C-alpha atoms as a PDB file:
ATOM      1  CA  UNK A   1      -7.214 -10.591  -5.206  1.00  0.00           C
ATOM      2  CA  UNK A   2      -4.035  -9.116  -6.608  1.00  0.00           C
ATOM      3  CA  UNK A   3      -2.770  -8.924 -10.165  1.00  0.00           C
ATOM      4  CA  UNK A   4      -0.637 -12.083  -9.908  1.00  0.00           C
ATOM      5  CA  UNK A   5      -3.675 -14.044  -8.728  1.00  0.00           C
ATOM      6  CA  UNK A   6      -5.596 -12.766 -11.735  1.00  0.00           C
ATOM      7  CA  UNK A   7      -2.665 -13.863 -13.904  1.00  0.00           C
ATOM      8  CA  UNK A   8      -2.837 -17.380 -12.463  1.00  0.00           C
ATOM      9  CA  UNK A   9      -6.595 -17.540 -13.062  1.00  0.00           C
ATOM     10  CA  UNK A  10      -6.253 -16.245 -16.613  1.00  0.00           C
ATOM     11  CA  UNK A  11      -3.518 -18.761 -17.374  1.00  0.00           C
ATOM     12  CA  UNK A  12      -5.574 -21.589 -15.909  1.00  0.00           C
ATOM     13  CA  UNK A  13      -8.635 -20.654 -17.982  1.00  0.00           C
ATOM     14  CA  UNK A  14      -6.609 -20.066 -21.140  1.00  0.00           C
ATOM     15  CA  UNK A  15      -5.077 -23.532 -20.826  1.00  0.00           C
ATOM     16  CA  UNK A  16      -8.475 -25.187 -20.466  1.00  0.00           C
ATOM     17  CA  UNK A  17      -8.204 -25.447 -16.662  1.00  0.00           C
ATOM     18  CA  UNK A  18      -6.158 -28.651 -17.040  1.00  0.00           C
ATOM     19  CA  UNK A  19      -3.231 -27.487 -14.944  1.00  0.00           C
ATOM     20  CA  UNK A  20      -2.222 -24.865 -12.439  1.00  0.00           C
ATOM     21  CA  UNK A  21       0.633 -22.491 -13.188  1.00  0.00           C
ATOM     22  CA  UNK A  22       2.297 -20.514 -10.418  1.00  0.00           C
ATOM     23  CA  UNK A  23       3.618 -17.157 -11.578  1.00  0.00           C
ATOM     24  CA  UNK A  24       6.222 -15.628  -9.300  1.00  0.00           C
ATOM     25  CA  UNK A  25       5.801 -12.063  -8.063  1.00  0.00           C
ATOM     26  CA  UNK A  26       8.499 -10.652 -10.341  1.00  0.00           C
ATOM     27  CA  UNK A  27       7.554 -12.498 -13.528  1.00  0.00           C
ATOM     28  CA  UNK A  28       5.341 -10.760 -16.095  1.00  0.00           C
ATOM     29  CA  UNK A  29       3.113 -13.043 -18.180  1.00  0.00           C
ATOM     30  CA  UNK A  30       1.483 -12.561 -21.582  1.00  0.00           C
ATOM     31  CA  UNK A  31      -2.195 -13.125 -22.259  1.00  0.00           C
ATOM     32  CA  UNK A  32      -2.977 -15.965 -24.657  1.00  0.00           C
ATOM     33  CA  UNK A  33      -5.848 -16.220 -27.126  1.00  0.00           C
ATOM     34  CA  UNK A  34      -9.425 -16.329 -25.849  1.00  0.00           C
ATOM     35  CA  UNK A  35      -8.655 -15.265 -22.266  1.00  0.00           C
ATOM     36  CA  UNK A  36     -11.514 -13.864 -20.164  1.00  0.00           C
ATOM     37  CA  UNK A  37     -11.508 -12.675 -16.550  1.00  0.00           C
ATOM     38  CA  UNK A  38     -13.100 -10.317 -14.052  1.00  0.00           C
ATOM     39  CA  UNK A  39     -10.752  -7.416 -13.500  1.00  0.00           C
ATOM     40  CA  UNK A  40     -10.240  -4.607 -11.009  1.00  0.00           C
ATOM     41  CA  UNK A  41     -10.429  -0.896 -11.835  1.00  0.00           C
ATOM     42  CA  UNK A  42      -9.247   2.053  -9.758  1.00  0.00           C
ATOM     43  CA  UNK A  43     -12.340   4.016  -8.651  1.00  0.00           C
ATOM     44  CA  UNK A  44     -11.901   7.051  -6.399  1.00  0.00           C
ATOM     45  CA  UNK A  45      -8.554   5.750  -5.102  1.00  0.00           C
ATOM     46  CA  UNK A  46      -9.740   2.188  -4.359  1.00  0.00           C
ATOM     47  CA  UNK A  47      -9.559  -1.017  -6.384  1.00  0.00           C
ATOM     48  CA  UNK A  48     -13.055  -2.248  -7.294  1.00  0.00           C
ATOM     49  CA  UNK A  49     -13.729  -5.664  -8.845  1.00  0.00           C
ATOM     50  CA  UNK A  50     -15.953  -5.512 -11.911  1.00  0.00           C
ATOM     51  CA  UNK A  51     -19.127  -7.615 -12.014  1.00  0.00           C
ATOM     52  CA  UNK A  52     -18.688  -9.008 -15.519  1.00  0.00           C
ATOM     53  CA  UNK A  53     -15.858 -10.922 -17.122  1.00  0.00           C
ATOM     54  CA  UNK A  54     -14.173  -9.261 -20.074  1.00  0.00           C
ATOM     55  CA  UNK A  55     -12.182 -10.514 -23.020  1.00  0.00           C
ATOM     56  CA  UNK A  56      -8.480  -9.837 -22.456  1.00  0.00           C
ATOM     57  CA  UNK A  57      -6.578  -8.915 -25.625  1.00  0.00           C
ATOM     58  CA  UNK A  58      -4.020 -11.505 -26.710  1.00  0.00           C
ATOM     59  CA  UNK A  59      -0.464 -10.278 -26.215  1.00  0.00           C
ATOM     60  CA  UNK A  60      -1.202  -7.935 -23.290  1.00  0.00           C
ATOM     61  CA  UNK A  61       1.074  -8.346 -20.283  1.00  0.00           C
ATOM     62  CA  UNK A  62       0.066  -8.964 -16.678  1.00  0.00           C
ATOM     63  CA  UNK A  63       2.532  -7.690 -14.107  1.00  0.00           C
ATOM     64  CA  UNK A  64       2.937  -7.725 -10.359  1.00  0.00           C
ATOM     65  CA  UNK A  65       1.447  -4.767  -8.459  1.00  0.00           C
ATOM     66  CA  UNK A  66       4.989  -3.639  -7.621  1.00  0.00           C
ATOM     67  CA  UNK A  67       5.434  -2.715 -11.302  1.00  0.00           C
ATOM     68  CA  UNK A  68       2.336  -0.474 -11.294  1.00  0.00           C
ATOM     69  CA  UNK A  69       2.641   3.194 -10.427  1.00  0.00           C
ATOM     70  CA  UNK A  70       0.324   4.334  -7.586  1.00  0.00           C
END
């Protein structure tokens, strides 16, 4: 799963899972209140999905992987 897919899941959960929102690859999105998700972390040069969901701070931005430095 890539960052934009996480963004879609976060948006769906934040909106009460009533609708699906497609976020284009170049469009950053902001986290709304009460958002939770499982996230990836870089471990020894590889992306590893965490086991637990975490609370995402309101106002943080999600961006496409192309905006993230290697």
